[in-house]
Amino acid sequence: MRVLALLLMLVVAPVFGATNEELADLAKRAAGGQQEAREALEKLSRDGDAGAALLLGMLYVSGRGVPRSEARAIEQFSIGALKGRVDAAHNLAVVYQRAPDKLRNLEAARTWYRSAAERGYARSQSNLGEMLLEGSGGPADIDAARSWIEKAVAQDEPRGLYLLGMLQLEGRAGLQKDPEAAAKLLQRAAAGKDRDAQYRLALLYGTGQGVEKDEQVALRLLVEAAAQRLPEAEYRMATIYARGAFGVQKDEAAAAKWLRLAARQGHLEATYSLGLMYAEGRGVKADASEAYGWMLDAARKGHPRAIEFVKRLQAKPAPSRSAPPKAEAEK
C-alpha cells in the first residue's frame, strides 16, 4: 500500500487541471499508455519545462502509462522544484518522506517542505509542522511546529486542522487541553476529507468526549476513514462487526474481510487477529497454513501473543509448513 500512501499526500490537482491544456492532454494520453505522448512529455521535461516534469513525476509515482518508479519521480519533481514550482517542491518532499528505505531522505523532505511552506503552501506547512512535532528529519521543535500548523489552519488546510485539533485534545504545544475545541477543529478537518481526522472524530463520538455521544455518527466517520484505506479504521470496523457493536449486526465474515484489508497494510493487531480467525475457523474456513502465515508475520513484527502462538506450532510436527504460507504469498 506504499503507492496509496504516496498518492494520498501528493498534490494531485495540478496534474490534469492547473497546467496548460496541451500539457494536460499529453499527460492524459501518456497515462493511457500512448508512447508518443509520454515521449513528448519527456522531451519537454529535458528542455526544462517544469509543468511537464511535474506531470511525469505523478505518472512515475502512480505507474500510470509508465513503470512505477519513485527514483524517476524524484528526478522529475526535482526538475520542477528547482525551476521554482511550489507544487513540485511539495511532491518531491512527499516522495523523499514516503519512499522505500534506499530512497527515503527525511532531511531532504524537511528541506523541501520548508521551501514550499515559506512560500505559503498550506499542505507543506502542515507536513513541516508534523515533522517538527515528531523530530523527523531533524530535531523536534514543538513551538515551530505549532507556528507552521497554525499558518496552515489559517488557510483552512485539513491536515493542519487535524494536527492542531490533536494538540488541543492532548493539551500540547502550550495549548490548554480542550476536547470541545479539539472536536470542532477535527470536524473541519474531517469535512476536508482528512482520514485521520475522520477516525479520531469517530472515536470522540463513540465515547462522547468533546461532543454528544452518537454511535451512528461515529460509524459513518469510521466508514469514511476506512474507505480511504486508513488501517486503524479498517481494524476498528472489524471489531465492530466481530462484536455486533454500534447497531451493526454481528458478522464474523465481514470482520475477517476488514481484518484482511488492515493486515495487508501492516496493521499488527489485525494481522494477529486474522491469523486467529483462520486458526479457529471464525468468519473464514479454518486453514492452518493461512493461520501460520499471518501469525508468523505478526510474530516477526513483535506481537507477543503471535510469538507464543508460533512457538507452540513450531514445537509440534507440522509437515504442512514445508510449503510457503499462502498468507505471505498474497502480501
C-alpha atoms as a PDB file:
ATOM      1  CA  MET A   1       0.000   0.000   0.000  1.00  0.00           C
ATOM      2  CA  ARG A   2       3.030   2.291  -0.267  1.00  0.00           C
ATOM      3  CA  VAL A   3       1.735   3.750  -3.554  1.00  0.00           C
ATOM      4  CA  LEU A   4      -1.586   4.632  -1.954  1.00  0.00           C
ATOM      5  CA  ALA A   5       0.132   6.422   0.925  1.00  0.00           C
ATOM      6  CA  LEU A   6       2.172   8.443  -1.540  1.00  0.00           C
ATOM      7  CA  LEU A   7      -0.767   9.394  -3.721  1.00  0.00           C
ATOM      8  CA  LEU A   8      -2.850  10.496  -0.748  1.00  0.00           C
ATOM      9  CA  MET A   9      -0.192  13.060   0.173  1.00  0.00           C
ATOM     10  CA  LEU A  10       0.811  14.288  -3.270  1.00  0.00           C
ATOM     11  CA  VAL A  11      -0.547  17.420  -4.859  1.00  0.00           C
ATOM     12  CA  VAL A  12      -2.758  15.795  -7.468  1.00  0.00           C
ATOM     13  CA  ALA A  13      -4.825  18.732  -8.713  1.00  0.00           C
ATOM     14  CA  PRO A  14      -2.147  20.256 -10.982  1.00  0.00           C
ATOM     15  CA  VAL A  15      -1.810  17.051 -12.965  1.00  0.00           C
ATOM     16  CA  PHE A  16      -4.930  17.495 -15.033  1.00  0.00           C
ATOM     17  CA  GLY A  17      -6.115  20.929 -14.032  1.00  0.00           C
ATOM     18  CA  ALA A  18      -3.660  23.690 -13.294  1.00  0.00           C
ATOM     19  CA  THR A  19      -1.286  23.215 -16.233  1.00  0.00           C
ATOM     20  CA  ASN A  20      -1.931  24.392 -19.765  1.00  0.00           C
ATOM     21  CA  GLU A  21      -4.321  22.378 -21.910  1.00  0.00           C
ATOM     22  CA  GLU A  22      -1.641  20.928 -24.165  1.00  0.00           C
ATOM     23  CA  LEU A  23       0.325  19.500 -21.234  1.00  0.00           C
ATOM     24  CA  ALA A  24      -2.841  18.176 -19.615  1.00  0.00           C
ATOM     25  CA  ASP A  25      -3.798  16.416 -22.841  1.00  0.00           C
ATOM     26  CA  LEU A  26      -0.319  14.894 -23.183  1.00  0.00           C
ATOM     27  CA  ALA A  27      -0.461  13.654 -19.600  1.00  0.00           C
ATOM     28  CA  LYS A  28      -3.851  12.030 -20.076  1.00  0.00           C
ATOM     29  CA  ARG A  29      -2.721  10.266 -23.223  1.00  0.00           C
ATOM     30  CA  ALA A  30       0.567   9.194 -21.617  1.00  0.00           C
ATOM     31  CA  ALA A  31      -1.333   7.821 -18.614  1.00  0.00           C
ATOM     32  CA  GLY A  32      -3.385   5.789 -21.062  1.00  0.00           C
ATOM     33  CA  GLY A  33      -0.219   4.183 -22.416  1.00  0.00           C
ATOM     34  CA  GLN A  34       0.348   6.293 -25.517  1.00  0.00           C
ATOM     35  CA  GLN A  35       4.113   6.214 -26.077  1.00  0.00           C
ATOM     36  CA  GLU A  36       4.174   9.257 -28.341  1.00  0.00           C
ATOM     37  CA  ALA A  37       2.582  11.407 -25.640  1.00  0.00           C
ATOM     38  CA  ARG A  38       4.993  10.133 -22.993  1.00  0.00           C
ATOM     39  CA  GLU A  39       7.987  10.844 -25.222  1.00  0.00           C
ATOM     40  CA  ALA A  40       6.675  14.358 -25.867  1.00  0.00           C
ATOM     41  CA  LEU A  41       6.427  14.981 -22.102  1.00  0.00           C
ATOM     42  CA  GLU A  42       9.919  13.611 -21.588  1.00  0.00           C
ATOM     43  CA  LYS A  43      11.352  15.910 -24.249  1.00  0.00           C
ATOM     44  CA  LEU A  44       9.631  18.925 -22.717  1.00  0.00           C
ATOM     45  CA  SER A  45      10.978  17.947 -19.308  1.00  0.00           C
ATOM     46  CA  ARG A  46      14.530  17.570 -20.667  1.00  0.00           C
ATOM     47  CA  ASP A  47      14.166  21.034 -22.169  1.00  0.00           C
ATOM     48  CA  GLY A  48      13.367  22.390 -18.710  1.00  0.00           C
ATOM     49  CA  ASP A  49       9.565  22.568 -18.777  1.00  0.00           C
ATOM     50  CA  ALA A  50       8.642  22.437 -15.086  1.00  0.00           C
ATOM     51  CA  GLY A  51       4.990  21.591 -15.781  1.00  0.00           C
ATOM     52  CA  ALA A  52       5.906  18.590 -17.906  1.00  0.00           C
ATOM     53  CA  ALA A  53       8.323  17.417 -15.215  1.00  0.00           C
ATOM     54  CA  LEU A  54       5.591  17.665 -12.572  1.00  0.00           C
ATOM     55  CA  LEU A  55       3.220  15.603 -14.686  1.00  0.00           C
ATOM     56  CA  LEU A  56       5.839  12.971 -15.422  1.00  0.00           C
ATOM     57  CA  GLY A  57       6.641  12.724 -11.741  1.00  0.00           C
ATOM     58  CA  MET A  58       2.985  11.981 -10.986  1.00  0.00           C
ATOM     59  CA  LEU A  59       2.901   9.305 -13.675  1.00  0.00           C
ATOM     60  CA  TYR A  60       6.019   7.621 -12.267  1.00  0.00           C
ATOM     61  CA  VAL A  61       4.578   7.606  -8.739  1.00  0.00           C
ATOM     62  CA  SER A  62       1.266   6.118  -9.842  1.00  0.00           C
ATOM     63  CA  GLY A  63       2.640   3.791 -12.508  1.00  0.00           C
ATOM     64  CA  ARG A  64       0.055   5.021 -14.994  1.00  0.00           C
ATOM     65  CA  GLY A  65       1.360   4.594 -18.535  1.00  0.00           C
ATOM     66  CA  VAL A  66       4.941   4.124 -17.300  1.00  0.00           C
ATOM     67  CA  PRO A  67       6.709   1.644 -14.983  1.00  0.00           C
ATOM     68  CA  ARG A  68       6.244   2.831 -11.400  1.00  0.00           C
ATOM     69  CA  SER A  69       9.491   4.333 -10.124  1.00  0.00           C
ATOM     70  CA  GLU A  70       9.981   6.595  -7.105  1.00  0.00           C
ATOM     71  CA  ALA A  71      13.530   7.252  -8.318  1.00  0.00           C
ATOM     72  CA  ARG A  72      12.264   8.638 -11.626  1.00  0.00           C
ATOM     73  CA  ALA A  73       9.591  10.596  -9.779  1.00  0.00           C
ATOM     74  CA  ILE A  74      12.278  12.227  -7.631  1.00  0.00           C
ATOM     75  CA  GLU A  75      14.223  13.086 -10.770  1.00  0.00           C
ATOM     76  CA  GLN A  76      11.200  14.733 -12.393  1.00  0.00           C
ATOM     77  CA  PHE A  77       9.895  16.530  -9.302  1.00  0.00           C
ATOM     78  CA  SER A  78      13.427  17.858  -8.730  1.00  0.00           C
ATOM     79  CA  ILE A  79      13.365  19.496 -12.170  1.00  0.00           C
ATOM     80  CA  GLY A  80      10.125  21.251 -11.340  1.00  0.00           C
ATOM     81  CA  ALA A  81      11.196  22.189  -7.814  1.00  0.00           C
ATOM     82  CA  LEU A  82      14.497  23.688  -8.964  1.00  0.00           C
ATOM     83  CA  LYS A  83      12.553  25.692 -11.541  1.00  0.00           C
ATOM     84  CA  GLY A  84      10.558  27.201  -8.694  1.00  0.00           C
ATOM     85  CA  ARG A  85       7.309  25.224  -8.814  1.00  0.00           C
ATOM     86  CA  VAL A  86       5.998  25.060  -5.265  1.00  0.00           C
ATOM     87  CA  ASP A  87       3.762  22.054  -6.041  1.00  0.00           C
ATOM     88  CA  ALA A  88       6.767  20.156  -7.400  1.00  0.00           C
ATOM     89  CA  ALA A  89       8.736  21.042  -4.243  1.00  0.00           C
ATOM     90  CA  HIS A  90       5.910  19.673  -2.109  1.00  0.00           C
ATOM     91  CA  ASN A  91       5.664  16.461  -4.115  1.00  0.00           C
ATOM     92  CA  LEU A  92       9.430  15.998  -4.012  1.00  0.00           C
ATOM     93  CA  ALA A  93       9.278  16.245  -0.224  1.00  0.00           C
ATOM     94  CA  VAL A  94       6.452  13.690  -0.089  1.00  0.00           C
ATOM     95  CA  VAL A  95       8.392  11.137  -2.126  1.00  0.00           C
ATOM     96  CA  TYR A  96      11.546  11.658  -0.073  1.00  0.00           C
ATOM     97  CA  GLN A  97       9.481  11.161   3.091  1.00  0.00           C
ATOM     98  CA  ARG A  98       7.484   8.121   1.944  1.00  0.00           C
ATOM     99  CA  ALA A  99       9.777   6.293  -0.484  1.00  0.00           C
ATOM    100  CA  PRO A 100      11.374   2.888   0.266  1.00  0.00           C
ATOM    101  CA  ASP A 101      14.430   2.840   2.524  1.00  0.00           C
ATOM    102  CA  LYS A 102      17.075   3.261  -0.188  1.00  0.00           C
ATOM    103  CA  LEU A 103      15.422   6.427  -1.499  1.00  0.00           C
ATOM    104  CA  ARG A 104      13.981   7.800   1.727  1.00  0.00           C
ATOM    105  CA  ASN A 105      15.653  11.010   2.828  1.00  0.00           C
ATOM    106  CA  LEU A 106      13.857  12.682   5.722  1.00  0.00           C
ATOM    107  CA  GLU A 107      16.312  15.568   5.910  1.00  0.00           C
ATOM    108  CA  ALA A 108      15.671  16.381   2.243  1.00  0.00           C
ATOM    109  CA  ALA A 109      11.916  16.005   2.822  1.00  0.00           C
ATOM    110  CA  ARG A 110      12.003  18.564   5.614  1.00  0.00           C
ATOM    111  CA  THR A 111      14.098  20.929   3.482  1.00  0.00           C
ATOM    112  CA  TRP A 112      11.678  20.824   0.537  1.00  0.00           C
ATOM    113  CA  TYR A 113       8.612  21.110   2.764  1.00  0.00           C
ATOM    114  CA  ARG A 114      10.183  24.199   4.286  1.00  0.00           C
ATOM    115  CA  SER A 115      10.902  25.605   0.830  1.00  0.00           C
ATOM    116  CA  ALA A 116       7.236  25.280  -0.126  1.00  0.00           C
ATOM    117  CA  ALA A 117       5.944  26.283   3.308  1.00  0.00           C
ATOM    118  CA  GLU A 118       7.906  29.534   3.275  1.00  0.00           C
ATOM    119  CA  ARG A 119       6.146  30.395   0.032  1.00  0.00           C
ATOM    120  CA  GLY A 120       2.765  29.903   1.678  1.00  0.00           C
ATOM    121  CA  TYR A 121       1.956  26.364   0.532  1.00  0.00           C
ATOM    122  CA  ALA A 122      -0.547  25.182   3.148  1.00  0.00           C
ATOM    123  CA  ARG A 123      -0.105  21.409   2.895  1.00  0.00           C
ATOM    124  CA  SER A 124       3.659  21.784   3.130  1.00  0.00           C
ATOM    125  CA  GLN A 125       3.187  23.964   6.199  1.00  0.00           C
ATOM    126  CA  SER A 126       1.151  21.158   7.785  1.00  0.00           C
ATOM    127  CA  ASN A 127       3.642  18.456   6.836  1.00  0.00           C
ATOM    128  CA  LEU A 128       6.602  20.505   8.020  1.00  0.00           C
ATOM    129  CA  GLY A 129       4.807  21.107  11.304  1.00  0.00           C
ATOM    130  CA  GLU A 130       4.174  17.389  11.681  1.00  0.00           C
ATOM    131  CA  MET A 131       7.833  16.552  11.045  1.00  0.00           C
ATOM    132  CA  LEU A 132       8.885  19.152  13.601  1.00  0.00           C
ATOM    133  CA  LEU A 133       6.467  17.663  16.132  1.00  0.00           C
ATOM    134  CA  GLU A 134       7.851  14.181  15.598  1.00  0.00           C
ATOM    135  CA  GLY A 135      11.521  15.135  15.304  1.00  0.00           C
ATOM    136  CA  SER A 136      11.530  13.542  11.863  1.00  0.00           C
ATOM    137  CA  GLY A 137      14.361  14.598   9.551  1.00  0.00           C
ATOM    138  CA  GLY A 138      15.960  16.733  12.248  1.00  0.00           C
ATOM    139  CA  PRO A 139      15.459  17.936  15.821  1.00  0.00           C
ATOM    140  CA  ALA A 140      11.956  18.267  17.216  1.00  0.00           C
ATOM    141  CA  ASP A 141      10.749  21.827  17.781  1.00  0.00           C
ATOM    142  CA  ILE A 142       7.228  21.920  19.160  1.00  0.00           C
ATOM    143  CA  ASP A 143       6.962  25.726  19.143  1.00  0.00           C
ATOM    144  CA  ALA A 144       7.985  25.975  15.491  1.00  0.00           C
ATOM    145  CA  ALA A 145       5.683  23.041  14.731  1.00  0.00           C
ATOM    146  CA  ARG A 146       2.685  24.821  16.218  1.00  0.00           C
ATOM    147  CA  SER A 147       3.566  28.003  14.324  1.00  0.00           C
ATOM    148  CA  TRP A 148       3.620  26.219  10.945  1.00  0.00           C
ATOM    149  CA  ILE A 149       0.473  24.255  11.740  1.00  0.00           C
ATOM    150  CA  GLU A 150      -1.365  27.455  12.663  1.00  0.00           C
ATOM    151  CA  LYS A 151      -0.282  29.026   9.366  1.00  0.00           C
ATOM    152  CA  ALA A 152      -1.855  26.054   7.563  1.00  0.00           C
ATOM    153  CA  VAL A 153      -5.017  26.316   9.683  1.00  0.00           C
ATOM    154  CA  ALA A 154      -5.308  29.970   8.698  1.00  0.00           C
ATOM    155  CA  GLN A 155      -5.739  28.656   5.150  1.00  0.00           C
ATOM    156  CA  ASP A 156      -8.274  26.038   6.347  1.00  0.00           C
ATOM    157  CA  GLU A 157      -5.945  23.209   5.303  1.00  0.00           C
ATOM    158  CA  PRO A 158      -7.403  19.867   6.524  1.00  0.00           C
ATOM    159  CA  ARG A 159      -4.160  18.288   7.698  1.00  0.00           C
ATOM    160  CA  GLY A 160      -3.260  21.381   9.694  1.00  0.00           C
ATOM    161  CA  LEU A 161      -6.726  21.392  11.241  1.00  0.00           C
ATOM    162  CA  TYR A 162      -6.271  17.769  12.254  1.00  0.00           C
ATOM    163  CA  LEU A 163      -2.845  18.381  13.779  1.00  0.00           C
ATOM    164  CA  LEU A 164      -3.984  21.445  15.717  1.00  0.00           C
ATOM    165  CA  GLY A 165      -7.056  19.536  16.852  1.00  0.00           C
ATOM    166  CA  MET A 166      -4.868  16.750  18.225  1.00  0.00           C
ATOM    167  CA  LEU A 167      -2.611  19.254  20.009  1.00  0.00           C
ATOM    168  CA  GLN A 168      -5.732  20.803  21.574  1.00  0.00           C
ATOM    169  CA  LEU A 169      -7.126  17.386  22.501  1.00  0.00           C
ATOM    170  CA  GLU A 170      -3.867  16.364  24.198  1.00  0.00           C
ATOM    171  CA  GLY A 171      -3.033  19.765  25.681  1.00  0.00           C
ATOM    172  CA  ARG A 172       0.354  20.060  23.962  1.00  0.00           C
ATOM    173  CA  ALA A 173       2.473  22.849  22.472  1.00  0.00           C
ATOM    174  CA  GLY A 174       1.323  25.363  25.042  1.00  0.00           C
ATOM    175  CA  LEU A 175      -2.365  24.744  24.365  1.00  0.00           C
ATOM    176  CA  GLN A 176      -4.826  24.036  27.152  1.00  0.00           C
ATOM    177  CA  LYS A 177      -6.475  20.632  26.887  1.00  0.00           C
ATOM    178  CA  ASP A 178      -9.919  21.310  25.446  1.00  0.00           C
ATOM    179  CA  PRO A 179     -11.870  18.379  23.927  1.00  0.00           C
ATOM    180  CA  GLU A 180     -14.705  20.598  22.683  1.00  0.00           C
ATOM    181  CA  ALA A 181     -12.368  22.972  20.824  1.00  0.00           C
ATOM    182  CA  ALA A 182     -10.447  19.968  19.522  1.00  0.00           C
ATOM    183  CA  ALA A 183     -13.624  18.344  18.234  1.00  0.00           C
ATOM    184  CA  LYS A 184     -14.533  21.492  16.287  1.00  0.00           C
ATOM    185  CA  LEU A 185     -11.125  21.512  14.601  1.00  0.00           C
ATOM    186  CA  LEU A 186     -11.393  17.793  13.832  1.00  0.00           C
ATOM    187  CA  GLN A 187     -14.857  18.317  12.377  1.00  0.00           C
ATOM    188  CA  ARG A 188     -13.455  20.875   9.943  1.00  0.00           C
ATOM    189  CA  ALA A 189     -10.585  18.552   9.066  1.00  0.00           C
ATOM    190  CA  ALA A 190     -12.934  15.595   8.580  1.00  0.00           C
ATOM    191  CA  ALA A 191     -15.131  17.684   6.305  1.00  0.00           C
ATOM    192  CA  GLY A 192     -11.981  18.312   4.274  1.00  0.00           C
ATOM    193  CA  LYS A 193     -11.546  14.521   3.901  1.00  0.00           C
ATOM    194  CA  ASP A 194      -8.554  14.080   6.210  1.00  0.00           C
ATOM    195  CA  ARG A 195      -8.840  10.390   7.034  1.00  0.00           C
ATOM    196  CA  ASP A 196      -7.012  10.602  10.369  1.00  0.00           C
ATOM    197  CA  ALA A 197      -9.400  13.356  11.438  1.00  0.00           C
ATOM    198  CA  GLN A 198     -12.382  11.225  10.421  1.00  0.00           C
ATOM    199  CA  TYR A 199     -11.036   8.373  12.537  1.00  0.00           C
ATOM    200  CA  ARG A 200     -10.191  10.465  15.607  1.00  0.00           C
ATOM    201  CA  LEU A 201     -13.528  12.265  15.445  1.00  0.00           C
ATOM    202  CA  ALA A 202     -15.272   8.889  15.239  1.00  0.00           C
ATOM    203  CA  LEU A 203     -13.587   7.899  18.494  1.00  0.00           C
ATOM    204  CA  LEU A 204     -14.818  11.114  20.129  1.00  0.00           C
ATOM    205  CA  TYR A 205     -18.393  10.464  19.001  1.00  0.00           C
ATOM    206  CA  GLY A 206     -18.112   6.865  20.151  1.00  0.00           C
ATOM    207  CA  THR A 207     -17.150   7.921  23.674  1.00  0.00           C
ATOM    208  CA  GLY A 208     -18.867  11.311  23.914  1.00  0.00           C
ATOM    209  CA  GLN A 209     -15.619  13.183  24.508  1.00  0.00           C
ATOM    210  CA  GLY A 210     -15.948  16.813  23.421  1.00  0.00           C
ATOM    211  CA  VAL A 211     -19.178  16.026  21.556  1.00  0.00           C
ATOM    212  CA  GLU A 212     -22.524  14.425  22.330  1.00  0.00           C
ATOM    213  CA  LYS A 213     -22.147  10.666  22.080  1.00  0.00           C
ATOM    214  CA  ASP A 214     -23.567   9.379  18.795  1.00  0.00           C
ATOM    215  CA  GLU A 215     -22.642   5.890  17.653  1.00  0.00           C
ATOM    216  CA  GLN A 216     -24.245   6.335  14.236  1.00  0.00           C
ATOM    217  CA  VAL A 217     -22.107   9.396  13.505  1.00  0.00           C
ATOM    218  CA  ALA A 218     -19.086   7.500  14.811  1.00  0.00           C
ATOM    219  CA  LEU A 219     -19.844   4.595  12.477  1.00  0.00           C
ATOM    220  CA  ARG A 220     -20.297   6.893   9.482  1.00  0.00           C
ATOM    221  CA  LEU A 221     -16.948   8.554  10.130  1.00  0.00           C
ATOM    222  CA  LEU A 222     -15.220   5.197  10.547  1.00  0.00           C
ATOM    223  CA  VAL A 223     -16.657   4.028   7.228  1.00  0.00           C
ATOM    224  CA  GLU A 224     -15.378   7.226   5.575  1.00  0.00           C
ATOM    225  CA  ALA A 225     -11.891   6.754   7.020  1.00  0.00           C
ATOM    226  CA  ALA A 226     -11.840   3.067   6.112  1.00  0.00           C
ATOM    227  CA  ALA A 227     -12.924   3.915   2.560  1.00  0.00           C
ATOM    228  CA  GLN A 228      -9.711   5.959   2.366  1.00  0.00           C
ATOM    229  CA  ARG A 229      -7.811   2.845   3.480  1.00  0.00           C
ATOM    230  CA  LEU A 230      -6.768   4.011   6.935  1.00  0.00           C
ATOM    231  CA  PRO A 231      -5.609   0.763   8.589  1.00  0.00           C
ATOM    232  CA  GLU A 232      -6.743   1.803  12.077  1.00  0.00           C
ATOM    233  CA  ALA A 233     -10.247   2.476  10.762  1.00  0.00           C
ATOM    234  CA  GLU A 234     -10.313  -0.843   8.903  1.00  0.00           C
ATOM    235  CA  TYR A 235      -9.315  -2.638  12.096  1.00  0.00           C
ATOM    236  CA  ARG A 236     -11.956  -0.769  14.103  1.00  0.00           C
ATOM    237  CA  MET A 237     -14.595  -1.781  11.532  1.00  0.00           C
ATOM    238  CA  ALA A 238     -13.507  -5.388  12.017  1.00  0.00           C
ATOM    239  CA  THR A 239     -14.003  -5.143  15.780  1.00  0.00           C
ATOM    240  CA  ILE A 240     -17.448  -3.581  15.292  1.00  0.00           C
ATOM    241  CA  TYR A 241     -18.583  -6.445  13.069  1.00  0.00           C
ATOM    242  CA  ALA A 242     -16.977  -9.042  15.327  1.00  0.00           C
ATOM    243  CA  ARG A 243     -18.911  -7.740  18.353  1.00  0.00           C
ATOM    244  CA  GLY A 244     -22.051  -6.511  16.646  1.00  0.00           C
ATOM    245  CA  ALA A 245     -21.496  -3.004  18.055  1.00  0.00           C
ATOM    246  CA  PHE A 246     -22.830   0.418  17.023  1.00  0.00           C
ATOM    247  CA  GLY A 247     -26.093  -1.139  15.867  1.00  0.00           C
ATOM    248  CA  VAL A 248     -24.336  -3.329  13.302  1.00  0.00           C
ATOM    249  CA  GLN A 249     -25.384  -6.980  13.137  1.00  0.00           C
ATOM    250  CA  LYS A 250     -22.617  -9.340  14.217  1.00  0.00           C
ATOM    251  CA  ASP A 251     -20.917 -10.694  11.105  1.00  0.00           C
ATOM    252  CA  GLU A 252     -17.624 -12.537  11.503  1.00  0.00           C
ATOM    253  CA  ALA A 253     -17.169 -12.893   7.737  1.00  0.00           C
ATOM    254  CA  ALA A 254     -17.325  -9.091   7.408  1.00  0.00           C
ATOM    255  CA  ALA A 255     -14.941  -8.798  10.361  1.00  0.00           C
ATOM    256  CA  ALA A 256     -12.462 -11.077   8.592  1.00  0.00           C
ATOM    257  CA  LYS A 257     -12.738  -9.002   5.419  1.00  0.00           C
ATOM    258  CA  TRP A 258     -11.859  -5.821   7.276  1.00  0.00           C
ATOM    259  CA  LEU A 259      -9.047  -7.553   9.152  1.00  0.00           C
ATOM    260  CA  ARG A 260      -7.533  -8.719   5.877  1.00  0.00           C
ATOM    261  CA  LEU A 261      -7.588  -5.182   4.467  1.00  0.00           C
ATOM    262  CA  ALA A 262      -5.861  -3.779   7.562  1.00  0.00           C
ATOM    263  CA  ALA A 263      -3.397  -6.672   7.811  1.00  0.00           C
ATOM    264  CA  ARG A 264      -2.297  -6.222   4.228  1.00  0.00           C
ATOM    265  CA  GLN A 265      -1.295  -2.688   5.183  1.00  0.00           C
ATOM    266  CA  GLY A 266       0.768  -3.959   8.088  1.00  0.00           C
ATOM    267  CA  HIS A 267      -1.611  -3.313  10.988  1.00  0.00           C
ATOM    268  CA  LEU A 268      -0.120  -5.515  13.690  1.00  0.00           C
ATOM    269  CA  GLU A 269      -3.209  -6.350  15.745  1.00  0.00           C
ATOM    270  CA  ALA A 270      -5.210  -7.027  12.582  1.00  0.00           C
ATOM    271  CA  THR A 271      -2.501  -9.402  11.361  1.00  0.00           C
ATOM    272  CA  TYR A 272      -2.617 -11.359  14.621  1.00  0.00           C
ATOM    273  CA  SER A 273      -6.428 -11.357  14.757  1.00  0.00           C
ATOM    274  CA  LEU A 274      -6.741 -12.587  11.179  1.00  0.00           C
ATOM    275  CA  GLY A 275      -4.362 -15.433  11.950  1.00  0.00           C
ATOM    276  CA  LEU A 276      -6.509 -16.325  14.962  1.00  0.00           C
ATOM    277  CA  MET A 277      -9.674 -16.351  12.872  1.00  0.00           C
ATOM    278  CA  TYR A 278      -8.064 -18.769  10.406  1.00  0.00           C
ATOM    279  CA  ALA A 279      -6.865 -20.932  13.277  1.00  0.00           C
ATOM    280  CA  GLU A 280     -10.326 -21.069  14.835  1.00  0.00           C
ATOM    281  CA  GLY A 281     -12.372 -21.028  11.623  1.00  0.00           C
ATOM    282  CA  ARG A 282     -14.335 -17.914  12.578  1.00  0.00           C
ATOM    283  CA  GLY A 283     -15.599 -15.854   9.652  1.00  0.00           C
ATOM    284  CA  VAL A 284     -13.378 -17.866   7.316  1.00  0.00           C
ATOM    285  CA  LYS A 285     -12.781 -21.532   6.622  1.00  0.00           C
ATOM    286  CA  ALA A 286     -10.241 -22.916   9.095  1.00  0.00           C
ATOM    287  CA  ASP A 287      -6.857 -23.053   7.404  1.00  0.00           C
ATOM    288  CA  ALA A 288      -3.713 -23.958   9.361  1.00  0.00           C
ATOM    289  CA  SER A 289      -1.403 -22.679   6.633  1.00  0.00           C
ATOM    290  CA  GLU A 290      -3.106 -19.278   6.488  1.00  0.00           C
ATOM    291  CA  ALA A 291      -3.171 -19.073  10.276  1.00  0.00           C
ATOM    292  CA  TYR A 292       0.532 -19.844  10.481  1.00  0.00           C
ATOM    293  CA  GLY A 293       1.421 -17.350   7.741  1.00  0.00           C
ATOM    294  CA  TRP A 294      -0.397 -14.429   9.346  1.00  0.00           C
ATOM    295  CA  MET A 295       0.774 -15.347  12.836  1.00  0.00           C
ATOM    296  CA  LEU A 296       4.370 -15.648  11.654  1.00  0.00           C
ATOM    297  CA  ASP A 297       4.115 -12.191  10.089  1.00  0.00           C
ATOM    298  CA  ALA A 298       2.758 -10.731  13.338  1.00  0.00           C
ATOM    299  CA  ALA A 299       5.393 -12.561  15.384  1.00  0.00           C
ATOM    300  CA  ARG A 300       8.217 -11.206  13.247  1.00  0.00           C
ATOM    301  CA  LYS A 301       6.909  -7.704  13.959  1.00  0.00           C
ATOM    302  CA  GLY A 302       6.941  -8.348  17.699  1.00  0.00           C
ATOM    303  CA  HIS A 303       3.339  -9.223  18.587  1.00  0.00           C
ATOM    304  CA  PRO A 304       3.734 -11.140  21.901  1.00  0.00           C
ATOM    305  CA  ARG A 305       0.696 -13.430  21.548  1.00  0.00           C
ATOM    306  CA  ALA A 306       1.628 -14.209  17.945  1.00  0.00           C
ATOM    307  CA  ILE A 307       5.146 -15.109  19.086  1.00  0.00           C
ATOM    308  CA  GLU A 308       3.721 -17.568  21.626  1.00  0.00           C
ATOM    309  CA  PHE A 309       1.329 -18.997  19.030  1.00  0.00           C
ATOM    310  CA  VAL A 310       4.157 -19.590  16.556  1.00  0.00           C
ATOM    311  CA  LYS A 311       6.375 -21.130  19.232  1.00  0.00           C
ATOM    312  CA  ARG A 312       3.634 -23.614  20.119  1.00  0.00           C
ATOM    313  CA  LEU A 313       3.139 -24.525  16.473  1.00  0.00           C
ATOM    314  CA  GLN A 314       6.844 -24.904  15.824  1.00  0.00           C
ATOM    315  CA  ALA A 315       7.166 -27.215  18.825  1.00  0.00           C
ATOM    316  CA  LYS A 316       4.813 -29.668  17.122  1.00  0.00           C
ATOM    317  CA  PRO A 317       5.415 -31.704  13.947  1.00  0.00           C
ATOM    318  CA  ALA A 318       3.905 -29.673  11.130  1.00  0.00           C
ATOM    319  CA  PRO A 319       4.592 -31.156   7.699  1.00  0.00           C
ATOM    320  CA  SER A 320       2.109 -28.757   6.092  1.00  0.00           C
ATOM    321  CA  ARG A 321       4.527 -25.892   6.820  1.00  0.00           C
ATOM    322  CA  SER A 322       7.007 -27.139   4.228  1.00  0.00           C
ATOM    323  CA  ALA A 323       5.151 -25.059   1.633  1.00  0.00           C
ATOM    324  CA  PRO A 324       5.266 -21.245   1.830  1.00  0.00           C
ATOM    325  CA  PRO A 325       2.221 -19.935   3.704  1.00  0.00           C
ATOM    326  CA  LYS A 326      -0.462 -18.591   1.364  1.00  0.00           C
ATOM    327  CA  ALA A 327      -0.896 -15.521   3.540  1.00  0.00           C
ATOM    328  CA  GLU A 328       2.703 -14.446   2.973  1.00  0.00           C
ATOM    329  CA  ALA A 329       2.450 -15.063  -0.764  1.00  0.00           C
ATOM    330  CA  GLU A 330      -0.506 -12.683  -1.002  1.00  0.00           C
ATOM    331  CA  LYS A 331       1.239  -9.707   0.592  1.00  0.00           C
END
